């Protein structure tokens, strides 16, 4: 069952405010085998689904919000729904790739499936320092399923740090579960409804107390009254939001960012 914090990412989500996180991975064509393709990538992911339960778990939401949503092994899991393939429009540069990423993250994930997908991008032909015909991966996973660290671990399960492909010996123990009826969901949730309500109340209370203490300390230091409601200055950031996203990336030489132990 989701924690109080993770459940808020579900409850606060709307068409105007997608709650997915993600990244863009650029794969230089000069480092890939000649026969590398979307199908190669598909087969690799398929062989590694067993490394993370996130890949094949979908959310079950509780009617009337009697308890927090919880995860079940998706009985209708289809990898085709999660591994997409698109060709980047010309000239196939950074501008087109970043716009595609922004458009991808501006859409809400389908809650009737596991809450992730990866878009395999071809046609990267004009990014400085990257070979023509290279590839990219645009990842998207719901914040209720992973945080930043868990998202990194999820991709670590799929990607290798050397050209040699890892051999995965782990046994696949995943088994699909039948989706519960509304009555089963309510019955299962009712026993924990009180507990989760207390957890949520405690979470909200801690946030409220912490915020009040921080604001109180700040006001005392400044000896100023609290700001008036809706008194934020008019700026380009103080506007109603929609689902549109803006994203950009920058290439750096690895030696500039690598940690030096000496």
C-alpha atoms as a PDB file:
ATOM      1  CA  UNK A   1       0.000   0.000   0.000  1.00  0.00           C
ATOM      2  CA  UNK A   2       1.225   3.492  -0.794  1.00  0.00           C
ATOM      3  CA  UNK A   3       2.607   5.672   1.974  1.00  0.00           C
ATOM      4  CA  UNK A   4       0.909   8.959   2.794  1.00  0.00           C
ATOM      5  CA  UNK A   5       3.534  10.870   0.826  1.00  0.00           C
ATOM      6  CA  UNK A   6       3.335   8.633  -2.250  1.00  0.00           C
ATOM      7  CA  UNK A   7      -0.468   8.768  -2.179  1.00  0.00           C
ATOM      8  CA  UNK A   8      -0.344  12.560  -2.399  1.00  0.00           C
ATOM      9  CA  UNK A   9       1.367  12.233  -5.808  1.00  0.00           C
ATOM     10  CA  UNK A  10      -1.710  10.320  -6.980  1.00  0.00           C
ATOM     11  CA  UNK A  11      -4.288  12.607  -5.397  1.00  0.00           C
ATOM     12  CA  UNK A  12      -2.635  15.820  -6.627  1.00  0.00           C
ATOM     13  CA  UNK A  13      -2.195  14.650 -10.206  1.00  0.00           C
ATOM     14  CA  UNK A  14      -4.365  16.111 -12.952  1.00  0.00           C
ATOM     15  CA  UNK A  15      -4.218  16.610 -16.703  1.00  0.00           C
ATOM     16  CA  UNK A  16      -2.602  19.978 -15.976  1.00  0.00           C
ATOM     17  CA  UNK A  17      -0.122  18.571 -13.490  1.00  0.00           C
ATOM     18  CA  UNK A  18       1.414  15.187 -14.448  1.00  0.00           C
ATOM     19  CA  UNK A  19       3.347  13.591 -11.597  1.00  0.00           C
ATOM     20  CA  UNK A  20       5.940  11.630 -13.576  1.00  0.00           C
ATOM     21  CA  UNK A  21       9.700  11.966 -13.366  1.00  0.00           C
ATOM     22  CA  UNK A  22      12.188  10.944 -16.031  1.00  0.00           C
ATOM     23  CA  UNK A  23      15.420  11.468 -17.914  1.00  0.00           C
ATOM     24  CA  UNK A  24      16.910  11.489 -21.401  1.00  0.00           C
ATOM     25  CA  UNK A  25      19.688   9.027 -22.261  1.00  0.00           C
ATOM     26  CA  UNK A  26      21.635   9.558 -25.502  1.00  0.00           C
ATOM     27  CA  UNK A  27      23.254   6.432 -26.963  1.00  0.00           C
ATOM     28  CA  UNK A  28      26.054   7.175 -29.433  1.00  0.00           C
ATOM     29  CA  UNK A  29      25.764   5.024 -32.554  1.00  0.00           C
ATOM     30  CA  UNK A  30      29.541   4.524 -32.704  1.00  0.00           C
ATOM     31  CA  UNK A  31      29.354   2.549 -29.457  1.00  0.00           C
ATOM     32  CA  UNK A  32      26.526   0.214 -30.521  1.00  0.00           C
ATOM     33  CA  UNK A  33      26.703  -3.063 -32.476  1.00  0.00           C
ATOM     34  CA  UNK A  34      25.837  -2.858 -36.154  1.00  0.00           C
ATOM     35  CA  UNK A  35      22.610  -4.791 -35.664  1.00  0.00           C
ATOM     36  CA  UNK A  36      21.423  -2.651 -32.725  1.00  0.00           C
ATOM     37  CA  UNK A  37      17.789  -1.621 -33.122  1.00  0.00           C
ATOM     38  CA  UNK A  38      14.526  -1.071 -31.296  1.00  0.00           C
ATOM     39  CA  UNK A  39      13.992  -4.851 -31.293  1.00  0.00           C
ATOM     40  CA  UNK A  40      17.395  -5.332 -29.644  1.00  0.00           C
ATOM     41  CA  UNK A  41      16.392  -2.879 -26.954  1.00  0.00           C
ATOM     42  CA  UNK A  42      12.964  -4.504 -26.570  1.00  0.00           C
ATOM     43  CA  UNK A  43      14.500  -7.938 -26.037  1.00  0.00           C
ATOM     44  CA  UNK A  44      16.934  -6.574 -23.461  1.00  0.00           C
ATOM     45  CA  UNK A  45      14.193  -4.937 -21.408  1.00  0.00           C
ATOM     46  CA  UNK A  46      12.050  -8.064 -21.659  1.00  0.00           C
ATOM     47  CA  UNK A  47      14.858 -10.149 -20.173  1.00  0.00           C
ATOM     48  CA  UNK A  48      15.272  -7.782 -17.225  1.00  0.00           C
ATOM     49  CA  UNK A  49      11.713  -7.151 -16.101  1.00  0.00           C
ATOM     50  CA  UNK A  50      12.348  -9.533 -13.206  1.00  0.00           C
ATOM     51  CA  UNK A  51      14.906  -7.150 -11.701  1.00  0.00           C
ATOM     52  CA  UNK A  52      12.326  -4.625 -10.476  1.00  0.00           C
ATOM     53  CA  UNK A  53       8.745  -5.106  -9.313  1.00  0.00           C
ATOM     54  CA  UNK A  54       7.942  -1.600 -10.594  1.00  0.00           C
ATOM     55  CA  UNK A  55       7.905  -2.848 -14.181  1.00  0.00           C
ATOM     56  CA  UNK A  56       4.839  -5.085 -13.841  1.00  0.00           C
ATOM     57  CA  UNK A  57       2.872  -3.676 -10.922  1.00  0.00           C
ATOM     58  CA  UNK A  58      -0.196  -1.535 -11.505  1.00  0.00           C
ATOM     59  CA  UNK A  59      -2.135   0.609  -9.092  1.00  0.00           C
ATOM     60  CA  UNK A  60      -5.506  -0.282  -7.569  1.00  0.00           C
ATOM     61  CA  UNK A  61      -7.377   2.772  -6.324  1.00  0.00           C
ATOM     62  CA  UNK A  62      -9.823   2.406  -3.459  1.00  0.00           C
ATOM     63  CA  UNK A  63     -13.428   3.625  -3.946  1.00  0.00           C
ATOM     64  CA  UNK A  64     -14.488   6.586  -1.813  1.00  0.00           C
ATOM     65  CA  UNK A  65     -10.822   7.036  -0.756  1.00  0.00           C
ATOM     66  CA  UNK A  66     -11.355   4.662   2.174  1.00  0.00           C
ATOM     67  CA  UNK A  67      -7.642   3.881   2.094  1.00  0.00           C
ATOM     68  CA  UNK A  68      -4.570   4.631   0.060  1.00  0.00           C
ATOM     69  CA  UNK A  69      -4.092   2.947  -3.333  1.00  0.00           C
ATOM     70  CA  UNK A  70      -2.006  -0.214  -3.447  1.00  0.00           C
ATOM     71  CA  UNK A  71      -0.035  -2.266  -5.971  1.00  0.00           C
ATOM     72  CA  UNK A  72      -0.932  -5.574  -7.620  1.00  0.00           C
ATOM     73  CA  UNK A  73       0.869  -7.609 -10.270  1.00  0.00           C
ATOM     74  CA  UNK A  74      -0.813  -6.513 -13.494  1.00  0.00           C
ATOM     75  CA  UNK A  75      -2.715  -9.458 -15.043  1.00  0.00           C
ATOM     76  CA  UNK A  76      -2.875  -7.656 -18.388  1.00  0.00           C
ATOM     77  CA  UNK A  77       0.764  -6.559 -18.580  1.00  0.00           C
ATOM     78  CA  UNK A  78       1.923  -5.972 -22.162  1.00  0.00           C
ATOM     79  CA  UNK A  79       5.448  -4.688 -22.740  1.00  0.00           C
ATOM     80  CA  UNK A  80       4.321  -3.116 -26.025  1.00  0.00           C
ATOM     81  CA  UNK A  81       2.374  -0.562 -23.966  1.00  0.00           C
ATOM     82  CA  UNK A  82       5.560   0.615 -22.253  1.00  0.00           C
ATOM     83  CA  UNK A  83       8.275   0.532 -24.916  1.00  0.00           C
ATOM     84  CA  UNK A  84       7.458   3.114 -27.552  1.00  0.00           C
ATOM     85  CA  UNK A  85       9.435   3.951 -30.689  1.00  0.00           C
ATOM     86  CA  UNK A  86       9.526   7.270 -32.555  1.00  0.00           C
ATOM     87  CA  UNK A  87      11.741   8.916 -35.144  1.00  0.00           C
ATOM     88  CA  UNK A  88      12.999  12.390 -34.352  1.00  0.00           C
ATOM     89  CA  UNK A  89      11.936  15.045 -36.884  1.00  0.00           C
ATOM     90  CA  UNK A  90      14.658  16.818 -38.865  1.00  0.00           C
ATOM     91  CA  UNK A  91      17.217  18.049 -38.455  1.00  0.00           C
ATOM     92  CA  UNK A  92      17.388  15.619 -35.541  1.00  0.00           C
ATOM     93  CA  UNK A  93      19.236  17.874 -33.126  1.00  0.00           C
ATOM     94  CA  UNK A  94      19.114  18.860 -29.483  1.00  0.00           C
ATOM     95  CA  UNK A  95      16.157  21.200 -29.988  1.00  0.00           C
ATOM     96  CA  UNK A  96      13.976  18.449 -31.459  1.00  0.00           C
ATOM     97  CA  UNK A  97      15.031  15.914 -28.810  1.00  0.00           C
ATOM     98  CA  UNK A  98      14.379  18.268 -25.910  1.00  0.00           C
ATOM     99  CA  UNK A  99      10.977  19.229 -27.327  1.00  0.00           C
ATOM    100  CA  UNK A 100      10.037  15.562 -27.656  1.00  0.00           C
ATOM    101  CA  UNK A 101      11.054  14.975 -24.035  1.00  0.00           C
ATOM    102  CA  UNK A 102       9.035  17.978 -22.847  1.00  0.00           C
ATOM    103  CA  UNK A 103       5.973  16.797 -24.803  1.00  0.00           C
ATOM    104  CA  UNK A 104       6.357  13.294 -23.354  1.00  0.00           C
ATOM    105  CA  UNK A 105       6.460  14.523 -19.764  1.00  0.00           C
ATOM    106  CA  UNK A 106       3.464  16.768 -20.344  1.00  0.00           C
ATOM    107  CA  UNK A 107       1.158  13.741 -20.647  1.00  0.00           C
ATOM    108  CA  UNK A 108      -0.388  11.791 -17.765  1.00  0.00           C
ATOM    109  CA  UNK A 109       0.461   8.103 -17.485  1.00  0.00           C
ATOM    110  CA  UNK A 110      -2.362   5.575 -17.875  1.00  0.00           C
ATOM    111  CA  UNK A 111      -3.267   4.309 -14.392  1.00  0.00           C
ATOM    112  CA  UNK A 112      -4.731   1.107 -15.785  1.00  0.00           C
ATOM    113  CA  UNK A 113      -1.172  -0.046 -16.537  1.00  0.00           C
ATOM    114  CA  UNK A 114       2.121  -0.048 -14.627  1.00  0.00           C
ATOM    115  CA  UNK A 115       3.086   3.603 -14.294  1.00  0.00           C
ATOM    116  CA  UNK A 116       6.118   3.870 -16.553  1.00  0.00           C
ATOM    117  CA  UNK A 117       7.188   3.922 -20.176  1.00  0.00           C
ATOM    118  CA  UNK A 118      10.366   4.410 -22.207  1.00  0.00           C
ATOM    119  CA  UNK A 119      10.423   6.016 -25.646  1.00  0.00           C
ATOM    120  CA  UNK A 120      13.124   4.708 -28.006  1.00  0.00           C
ATOM    121  CA  UNK A 121      14.146   7.599 -30.270  1.00  0.00           C
ATOM    122  CA  UNK A 122      15.881   7.203 -33.634  1.00  0.00           C
ATOM    123  CA  UNK A 123      17.035   9.828 -36.137  1.00  0.00           C
ATOM    124  CA  UNK A 124      19.483  11.761 -33.952  1.00  0.00           C
ATOM    125  CA  UNK A 125      21.541  13.286 -36.751  1.00  0.00           C
ATOM    126  CA  UNK A 126      22.837  16.673 -35.627  1.00  0.00           C
ATOM    127  CA  UNK A 127      23.869  16.832 -31.965  1.00  0.00           C
ATOM    128  CA  UNK A 128      27.406  18.135 -31.556  1.00  0.00           C
ATOM    129  CA  UNK A 129      29.803  15.400 -30.493  1.00  0.00           C
ATOM    130  CA  UNK A 130      27.265  12.607 -31.122  1.00  0.00           C
ATOM    131  CA  UNK A 131      27.469  10.345 -34.179  1.00  0.00           C
ATOM    132  CA  UNK A 132      24.820  10.687 -36.864  1.00  0.00           C
ATOM    133  CA  UNK A 133      22.085   8.066 -36.591  1.00  0.00           C
ATOM    134  CA  UNK A 134      22.393   7.761 -32.808  1.00  0.00           C
ATOM    135  CA  UNK A 135      19.594   6.876 -30.396  1.00  0.00           C
ATOM    136  CA  UNK A 136      17.976   8.227 -27.258  1.00  0.00           C
ATOM    137  CA  UNK A 137      15.789   6.881 -24.456  1.00  0.00           C
ATOM    138  CA  UNK A 138      13.178   9.135 -22.860  1.00  0.00           C
ATOM    139  CA  UNK A 139      12.063   7.588 -19.584  1.00  0.00           C
ATOM    140  CA  UNK A 140       8.898   8.349 -17.663  1.00  0.00           C
ATOM    141  CA  UNK A 141       7.812   6.828 -14.340  1.00  0.00           C
ATOM    142  CA  UNK A 142       5.237   8.028 -11.830  1.00  0.00           C
ATOM    143  CA  UNK A 143       6.570   9.644  -8.676  1.00  0.00           C
ATOM    144  CA  UNK A 144       4.216   7.448  -6.626  1.00  0.00           C
ATOM    145  CA  UNK A 145       6.122   4.383  -7.877  1.00  0.00           C
ATOM    146  CA  UNK A 146       9.686   5.633  -7.408  1.00  0.00           C
ATOM    147  CA  UNK A 147      11.672   8.521  -6.032  1.00  0.00           C
ATOM    148  CA  UNK A 148      14.812   9.834  -7.695  1.00  0.00           C
ATOM    149  CA  UNK A 149      17.061   7.141  -6.211  1.00  0.00           C
ATOM    150  CA  UNK A 150      14.683   4.277  -7.054  1.00  0.00           C
ATOM    151  CA  UNK A 151      14.313   5.623 -10.593  1.00  0.00           C
ATOM    152  CA  UNK A 152      18.089   5.476 -10.999  1.00  0.00           C
ATOM    153  CA  UNK A 153      18.121   1.910  -9.674  1.00  0.00           C
ATOM    154  CA  UNK A 154      15.374   1.004 -12.143  1.00  0.00           C
ATOM    155  CA  UNK A 155      17.478   2.186 -15.084  1.00  0.00           C
ATOM    156  CA  UNK A 156      20.579   0.539 -13.626  1.00  0.00           C
ATOM    157  CA  UNK A 157      18.699  -2.742 -13.928  1.00  0.00           C
ATOM    158  CA  UNK A 158      18.288  -2.119 -17.662  1.00  0.00           C
ATOM    159  CA  UNK A 159      21.582  -0.498 -18.630  1.00  0.00           C
ATOM    160  CA  UNK A 160      25.130  -1.849 -18.387  1.00  0.00           C
ATOM    161  CA  UNK A 161      28.251   0.170 -17.619  1.00  0.00           C
ATOM    162  CA  UNK A 162      30.395  -1.866 -20.028  1.00  0.00           C
ATOM    163  CA  UNK A 163      29.879  -2.896 -23.683  1.00  0.00           C
ATOM    164  CA  UNK A 164      29.428  -6.494 -22.529  1.00  0.00           C
ATOM    165  CA  UNK A 165      25.828  -7.408 -21.774  1.00  0.00           C
ATOM    166  CA  UNK A 166      25.360  -8.761 -18.263  1.00  0.00           C
ATOM    167  CA  UNK A 167      24.045 -12.283 -17.781  1.00  0.00           C
ATOM    168  CA  UNK A 168      21.086 -12.170 -15.412  1.00  0.00           C
ATOM    169  CA  UNK A 169      20.805 -15.329 -13.332  1.00  0.00           C
ATOM    170  CA  UNK A 170      17.955 -14.200 -11.096  1.00  0.00           C
ATOM    171  CA  UNK A 171      14.823 -16.334 -11.314  1.00  0.00           C
ATOM    172  CA  UNK A 172      11.625 -14.627 -12.429  1.00  0.00           C
ATOM    173  CA  UNK A 173       9.161 -15.167  -9.562  1.00  0.00           C
ATOM    174  CA  UNK A 174       6.575 -12.662 -10.771  1.00  0.00           C
ATOM    175  CA  UNK A 175       3.019 -13.957 -11.053  1.00  0.00           C
ATOM    176  CA  UNK A 176      -0.005 -11.977 -12.329  1.00  0.00           C
ATOM    177  CA  UNK A 177      -2.810 -11.302  -9.880  1.00  0.00           C
ATOM    178  CA  UNK A 178      -6.512 -11.117 -10.588  1.00  0.00           C
ATOM    179  CA  UNK A 179      -7.802  -7.572 -10.251  1.00  0.00           C
ATOM    180  CA  UNK A 180     -10.050  -7.335  -7.183  1.00  0.00           C
ATOM    181  CA  UNK A 181     -13.680  -6.283  -7.404  1.00  0.00           C
ATOM    182  CA  UNK A 182     -14.793  -3.029  -5.796  1.00  0.00           C
ATOM    183  CA  UNK A 183     -16.175  -5.034  -2.858  1.00  0.00           C
ATOM    184  CA  UNK A 184     -12.877  -6.880  -2.405  1.00  0.00           C
ATOM    185  CA  UNK A 185     -10.976  -3.604  -2.566  1.00  0.00           C
ATOM    186  CA  UNK A 186     -13.203  -1.997   0.053  1.00  0.00           C
ATOM    187  CA  UNK A 187     -13.046  -5.070   2.310  1.00  0.00           C
ATOM    188  CA  UNK A 188      -9.269  -5.207   2.084  1.00  0.00           C
ATOM    189  CA  UNK A 189      -8.925  -1.504   2.659  1.00  0.00           C
ATOM    190  CA  UNK A 190     -11.424  -1.078   5.463  1.00  0.00           C
ATOM    191  CA  UNK A 191      -9.243  -2.779   8.064  1.00  0.00           C
ATOM    192  CA  UNK A 192      -6.458  -0.305   7.334  1.00  0.00           C
ATOM    193  CA  UNK A 193      -8.545   2.773   6.704  1.00  0.00           C
ATOM    194  CA  UNK A 194      -8.256   4.052  10.262  1.00  0.00           C
ATOM    195  CA  UNK A 195      -4.539   3.393  10.421  1.00  0.00           C
ATOM    196  CA  UNK A 196      -3.873   5.147   7.119  1.00  0.00           C
ATOM    197  CA  UNK A 197      -6.067   8.071   8.067  1.00  0.00           C
ATOM    198  CA  UNK A 198      -3.981   8.533  11.201  1.00  0.00           C
ATOM    199  CA  UNK A 199      -0.782   8.260   9.149  1.00  0.00           C
ATOM    200  CA  UNK A 200      -2.019  10.900   6.721  1.00  0.00           C
ATOM    201  CA  UNK A 201      -3.175  13.157   9.537  1.00  0.00           C
ATOM    202  CA  UNK A 202       0.186  12.755  11.225  1.00  0.00           C
ATOM    203  CA  UNK A 203       2.021  13.496   7.990  1.00  0.00           C
ATOM    204  CA  UNK A 204      -0.055  16.620   7.321  1.00  0.00           C
ATOM    205  CA  UNK A 205       0.315  17.676  10.952  1.00  0.00           C
ATOM    206  CA  UNK A 206       4.096  17.360  10.864  1.00  0.00           C
ATOM    207  CA  UNK A 207       4.275  19.375   7.668  1.00  0.00           C
ATOM    208  CA  UNK A 208       1.990  22.057   9.112  1.00  0.00           C
ATOM    209  CA  UNK A 209       3.926  22.259  12.387  1.00  0.00           C
ATOM    210  CA  UNK A 210       7.270  22.340  10.593  1.00  0.00           C
ATOM    211  CA  UNK A 211       6.078  25.032   8.225  1.00  0.00           C
ATOM    212  CA  UNK A 212       4.648  27.100  11.054  1.00  0.00           C
ATOM    213  CA  UNK A 213       7.874  26.836  13.047  1.00  0.00           C
ATOM    214  CA  UNK A 214       9.990  27.809  10.060  1.00  0.00           C
ATOM    215  CA  UNK A 215       7.764  30.736   9.188  1.00  0.00           C
ATOM    216  CA  UNK A 216       7.612  31.805  12.821  1.00  0.00           C
ATOM    217  CA  UNK A 217      11.389  31.807  13.136  1.00  0.00           C
ATOM    218  CA  UNK A 218      11.716  33.754   9.897  1.00  0.00           C
ATOM    219  CA  UNK A 219       9.150  36.353  10.946  1.00  0.00           C
ATOM    220  CA  UNK A 220      10.755  36.807  14.352  1.00  0.00           C
ATOM    221  CA  UNK A 221      14.151  37.326  12.762  1.00  0.00           C
ATOM    222  CA  UNK A 222      12.820  39.871  10.325  1.00  0.00           C
ATOM    223  CA  UNK A 223      10.336  41.361  12.797  1.00  0.00           C
ATOM    224  CA  UNK A 224       7.905  41.646   9.934  1.00  0.00           C
ATOM    225  CA  UNK A 225       4.280  40.569   9.632  1.00  0.00           C
ATOM    226  CA  UNK A 226       3.490  37.525   7.473  1.00  0.00           C
ATOM    227  CA  UNK A 227       2.834  38.189   3.768  1.00  0.00           C
ATOM    228  CA  UNK A 228      -0.724  38.887   2.737  1.00  0.00           C
ATOM    229  CA  UNK A 229      -2.651  36.173   0.964  1.00  0.00           C
ATOM    230  CA  UNK A 230      -2.181  36.273  -2.844  1.00  0.00           C
ATOM    231  CA  UNK A 231       0.451  38.989  -2.476  1.00  0.00           C
ATOM    232  CA  UNK A 232       3.180  37.318  -4.553  1.00  0.00           C
ATOM    233  CA  UNK A 233       4.637  39.675  -7.182  1.00  0.00           C
ATOM    234  CA  UNK A 234       3.515  39.273 -10.809  1.00  0.00           C
ATOM    235  CA  UNK A 235       6.297  37.364 -12.576  1.00  0.00           C
ATOM    236  CA  UNK A 236       6.503  34.835 -15.411  1.00  0.00           C
ATOM    237  CA  UNK A 237       6.566  32.102 -12.740  1.00  0.00           C
ATOM    238  CA  UNK A 238       3.512  33.318 -10.828  1.00  0.00           C
ATOM    239  CA  UNK A 239       0.958  32.118 -13.384  1.00  0.00           C
ATOM    240  CA  UNK A 240      -1.639  29.352 -13.630  1.00  0.00           C
ATOM    241  CA  UNK A 241       0.091  26.154 -14.721  1.00  0.00           C
ATOM    242  CA  UNK A 242      -0.808  23.677 -17.434  1.00  0.00           C
ATOM    243  CA  UNK A 243       0.743  20.442 -18.622  1.00  0.00           C
ATOM    244  CA  UNK A 244       3.321  22.112 -20.901  1.00  0.00           C
ATOM    245  CA  UNK A 245       6.923  21.368 -19.938  1.00  0.00           C
ATOM    246  CA  UNK A 246      10.239  22.946 -20.882  1.00  0.00           C
ATOM    247  CA  UNK A 247      13.419  20.895 -20.843  1.00  0.00           C
ATOM    248  CA  UNK A 248      17.000  21.308 -21.978  1.00  0.00           C
ATOM    249  CA  UNK A 249      20.235  19.361 -21.730  1.00  0.00           C
ATOM    250  CA  UNK A 250      23.939  20.078 -22.006  1.00  0.00           C
ATOM    251  CA  UNK A 251      26.903  17.882 -22.963  1.00  0.00           C
ATOM    252  CA  UNK A 252      29.939  17.817 -20.665  1.00  0.00           C
ATOM    253  CA  UNK A 253      33.161  15.915 -21.027  1.00  0.00           C
ATOM    254  CA  UNK A 254      33.147  13.040 -18.539  1.00  0.00           C
ATOM    255  CA  UNK A 255      36.568  13.981 -17.173  1.00  0.00           C
ATOM    256  CA  UNK A 256      35.138  17.339 -16.060  1.00  0.00           C
ATOM    257  CA  UNK A 257      32.484  15.707 -13.901  1.00  0.00           C
ATOM    258  CA  UNK A 258      34.138  12.489 -12.719  1.00  0.00           C
ATOM    259  CA  UNK A 259      35.037  12.399  -9.061  1.00  0.00           C
ATOM    260  CA  UNK A 260      38.806  12.295  -8.493  1.00  0.00           C
ATOM    261  CA  UNK A 261      39.680  10.109  -5.503  1.00  0.00           C
ATOM    262  CA  UNK A 262      43.208  11.493  -5.221  1.00  0.00           C
END
